[in-house]
Amino acid sequence: MCLDEIERSRPFLTGLIDDRYRWLPPAGRMAAAEEAGFDGSVAGKSVSELEIDYGVLSAASQDQHCLFYLRDLLPYDDMPPEVAAQYSDVHVAGPEAADAERKLS
């Protein structure tokens, strides 16, 4: 559905980027990405990453019609850890945090 909306909106795309890498769909739910012509494996990629790839990076002419907004960092160090984890993958306890931070960068 997301890729269909991007196609319907072409040539325009607006992206809102925050401190979360977002949802990684299970392997069985990736048929749409494969049908859309993604090269290589889409496993381990968030829906947001796939949307950006499909909507902008895979079509050179698209970059002229796209806007991305990046949210300013919140004061995570001033928040209780459980609250910071709700807004930032970097503040989630566990080994996934480093991977999410790398992917966001």
C-alpha atoms as a PDB file:
ATOM      1  CA  MET A   1       0.000   0.000   0.000  1.00  0.00           C
ATOM      2  CA  CYS A   2       2.809   2.433   0.853  1.00  0.00           C
ATOM      3  CA  LEU A   3       4.567   1.928  -2.458  1.00  0.00           C
ATOM      4  CA  ASP A   4       1.273   2.379  -4.313  1.00  0.00           C
ATOM      5  CA  GLU A   5       0.773   5.746  -2.574  1.00  0.00           C
ATOM      6  CA  ILE A   6       4.269   6.846  -3.528  1.00  0.00           C
ATOM      7  CA  GLU A   7       3.580   5.887  -7.129  1.00  0.00           C
ATOM      8  CA  ARG A   8       0.260   7.743  -7.063  1.00  0.00           C
ATOM      9  CA  SER A   9       1.953  10.876  -5.665  1.00  0.00           C
ATOM     10  CA  ARG A  10       4.800  11.024  -8.169  1.00  0.00           C
ATOM     11  CA  PRO A  11       6.692  13.186  -8.802  1.00  0.00           C
ATOM     12  CA  PHE A  12       6.279  14.530  -5.267  1.00  0.00           C
ATOM     13  CA  LEU A  13       7.360  13.019  -1.969  1.00  0.00           C
ATOM     14  CA  THR A  14       7.606  14.469   1.516  1.00  0.00           C
ATOM     15  CA  GLY A  15       9.566  12.575   4.152  1.00  0.00           C
ATOM     16  CA  LEU A  16       9.419  13.115   7.900  1.00  0.00           C
ATOM     17  CA  ILE A  17      12.505  11.729   9.617  1.00  0.00           C
ATOM     18  CA  ASP A  18      12.876  11.369  13.363  1.00  0.00           C
ATOM     19  CA  ASP A  19      14.973   9.244  15.707  1.00  0.00           C
ATOM     20  CA  ARG A  20      13.255   5.930  15.056  1.00  0.00           C
ATOM     21  CA  TYR A  21      14.255   3.480  12.349  1.00  0.00           C
ATOM     22  CA  ARG A  22      10.645   2.295  12.285  1.00  0.00           C
ATOM     23  CA  TRP A  23       8.922  -0.947  11.520  1.00  0.00           C
ATOM     24  CA  LEU A  24      10.744  -3.892   9.986  1.00  0.00           C
ATOM     25  CA  PRO A  25       8.145  -6.113   8.361  1.00  0.00           C
ATOM     26  CA  PRO A  26       8.537  -9.874   8.604  1.00  0.00           C
ATOM     27  CA  ALA A  27      10.003 -11.623   5.554  1.00  0.00           C
ATOM     28  CA  GLY A  28       6.587 -12.922   4.479  1.00  0.00           C
ATOM     29  CA  ARG A  29       5.287  -9.363   4.084  1.00  0.00           C
ATOM     30  CA  MET A  30       7.977  -8.218   1.647  1.00  0.00           C
ATOM     31  CA  ALA A  31       6.365  -9.493  -1.582  1.00  0.00           C
ATOM     32  CA  ALA A  32       5.267  -5.966  -2.568  1.00  0.00           C
ATOM     33  CA  ALA A  33       8.837  -4.673  -2.368  1.00  0.00           C
ATOM     34  CA  GLU A  34      10.093  -7.520  -4.489  1.00  0.00           C
ATOM     35  CA  GLU A  35       7.272  -6.958  -7.008  1.00  0.00           C
ATOM     36  CA  ALA A  36       8.233  -3.269  -7.162  1.00  0.00           C
ATOM     37  CA  GLY A  37      11.648  -4.313  -8.466  1.00  0.00           C
ATOM     38  CA  PHE A  38      13.936  -3.843  -5.487  1.00  0.00           C
ATOM     39  CA  ASP A  39      17.338  -5.302  -6.254  1.00  0.00           C
ATOM     40  CA  GLY A  40      18.895  -7.526  -3.653  1.00  0.00           C
ATOM     41  CA  SER A  41      17.528  -8.415  -0.293  1.00  0.00           C
ATOM     42  CA  VAL A  42      14.980  -6.229   1.426  1.00  0.00           C
ATOM     43  CA  ALA A  43      15.249  -8.202   4.657  1.00  0.00           C
ATOM     44  CA  GLY A  44      16.205  -6.086   7.647  1.00  0.00           C
ATOM     45  CA  LYS A  45      15.087  -2.830   6.038  1.00  0.00           C
ATOM     46  CA  SER A  46      12.332  -0.709   7.512  1.00  0.00           C
ATOM     47  CA  VAL A  47       9.270   0.291   5.551  1.00  0.00           C
ATOM     48  CA  SER A  48      10.472   3.908   5.762  1.00  0.00           C
ATOM     49  CA  GLU A  49      13.843   3.019   4.245  1.00  0.00           C
ATOM     50  CA  LEU A  50      12.134   1.155   1.416  1.00  0.00           C
ATOM     51  CA  GLU A  51       9.783   4.090   0.806  1.00  0.00           C
ATOM     52  CA  ILE A  52      12.706   6.523   0.547  1.00  0.00           C
ATOM     53  CA  ASP A  53      14.596   4.161  -1.728  1.00  0.00           C
ATOM     54  CA  TYR A  54      11.571   3.615  -3.963  1.00  0.00           C
ATOM     55  CA  GLY A  55      10.355   7.204  -3.931  1.00  0.00           C
ATOM     56  CA  VAL A  56      13.647   9.051  -4.387  1.00  0.00           C
ATOM     57  CA  LEU A  57      16.885   7.112  -4.554  1.00  0.00           C
ATOM     58  CA  SER A  58      15.907   4.667  -7.287  1.00  0.00           C
ATOM     59  CA  ALA A  59      14.752   7.419  -9.655  1.00  0.00           C
ATOM     60  CA  ALA A  60      17.314  10.150 -10.320  1.00  0.00           C
ATOM     61  CA  SER A  61      14.722  12.658 -11.546  1.00  0.00           C
ATOM     62  CA  GLN A  62      12.737  12.428  -8.302  1.00  0.00           C
ATOM     63  CA  ASP A  63      15.164  14.365  -6.108  1.00  0.00           C
ATOM     64  CA  GLN A  64      13.989  17.685  -7.559  1.00  0.00           C
ATOM     65  CA  HIS A  65      10.470  17.141  -6.249  1.00  0.00           C
ATOM     66  CA  CYS A  66      11.129  15.784  -2.770  1.00  0.00           C
ATOM     67  CA  LEU A  67      11.370  17.416   0.612  1.00  0.00           C
ATOM     68  CA  PHE A  68      12.637  15.785   3.767  1.00  0.00           C
ATOM     69  CA  TYR A  69      12.149  17.235   7.203  1.00  0.00           C
ATOM     70  CA  LEU A  70      14.450  16.130  10.013  1.00  0.00           C
ATOM     71  CA  ARG A  71      13.228  16.555  13.557  1.00  0.00           C
ATOM     72  CA  ASP A  72      15.593  18.253  15.986  1.00  0.00           C
ATOM     73  CA  LEU A  73      16.900  15.920  18.648  1.00  0.00           C
ATOM     74  CA  LEU A  74      14.896  15.846  21.819  1.00  0.00           C
ATOM     75  CA  PRO A  75      16.644  16.301  25.200  1.00  0.00           C
ATOM     76  CA  TYR A  76      16.963  12.544  25.721  1.00  0.00           C
ATOM     77  CA  ASP A  77      19.507  12.835  28.517  1.00  0.00           C
ATOM     78  CA  ASP A  78      16.936  14.767  30.567  1.00  0.00           C
ATOM     79  CA  MET A  79      14.260  12.056  30.158  1.00  0.00           C
ATOM     80  CA  PRO A  80      13.727   8.839  32.056  1.00  0.00           C
ATOM     81  CA  PRO A  81      15.193   5.991  29.952  1.00  0.00           C
ATOM     82  CA  GLU A  82      11.796   4.410  29.280  1.00  0.00           C
ATOM     83  CA  VAL A  83      10.466   7.712  27.901  1.00  0.00           C
ATOM     84  CA  ALA A  84      13.558   8.327  25.762  1.00  0.00           C
ATOM     85  CA  ALA A  85      13.174   4.808  24.340  1.00  0.00           C
ATOM     86  CA  GLN A  86       9.685   5.699  23.078  1.00  0.00           C
ATOM     87  CA  TYR A  87      11.127   8.432  20.849  1.00  0.00           C
ATOM     88  CA  SER A  88      14.579   7.166  19.923  1.00  0.00           C
ATOM     89  CA  ASP A  89      15.788   3.717  18.887  1.00  0.00           C
ATOM     90  CA  VAL A  90      19.240   4.653  20.177  1.00  0.00           C
ATOM     91  CA  HIS A  91      17.824   4.717  23.701  1.00  0.00           C
ATOM     92  CA  VAL A  92      16.200   1.289  23.520  1.00  0.00           C
ATOM     93  CA  ALA A  93      18.003  -1.232  25.681  1.00  0.00           C
ATOM     94  CA  GLY A  94      19.588  -4.068  23.765  1.00  0.00           C
ATOM     95  CA  PRO A  95      21.849  -4.815  20.824  1.00  0.00           C
ATOM     96  CA  GLU A  96      19.283  -3.507  18.309  1.00  0.00           C
ATOM     97  CA  ALA A  97      20.044   0.076  19.365  1.00  0.00           C
ATOM     98  CA  ALA A  98      23.468   0.182  17.708  1.00  0.00           C
ATOM     99  CA  ASP A  99      22.086  -1.298  14.487  1.00  0.00           C
ATOM    100  CA  ALA A 100      19.195   1.183  14.411  1.00  0.00           C
ATOM    101  CA  GLU A 101      21.575   4.087  15.039  1.00  0.00           C
ATOM    102  CA  ARG A 102      23.849   2.933  12.202  1.00  0.00           C
ATOM    103  CA  LYS A 103      20.898   2.624   9.801  1.00  0.00           C
ATOM    104  CA  LEU A 104      19.548   6.041  10.746  1.00  0.00           C
ATOM    105  CA  SER A 105      22.938   7.648  10.193  1.00  0.00           C
END
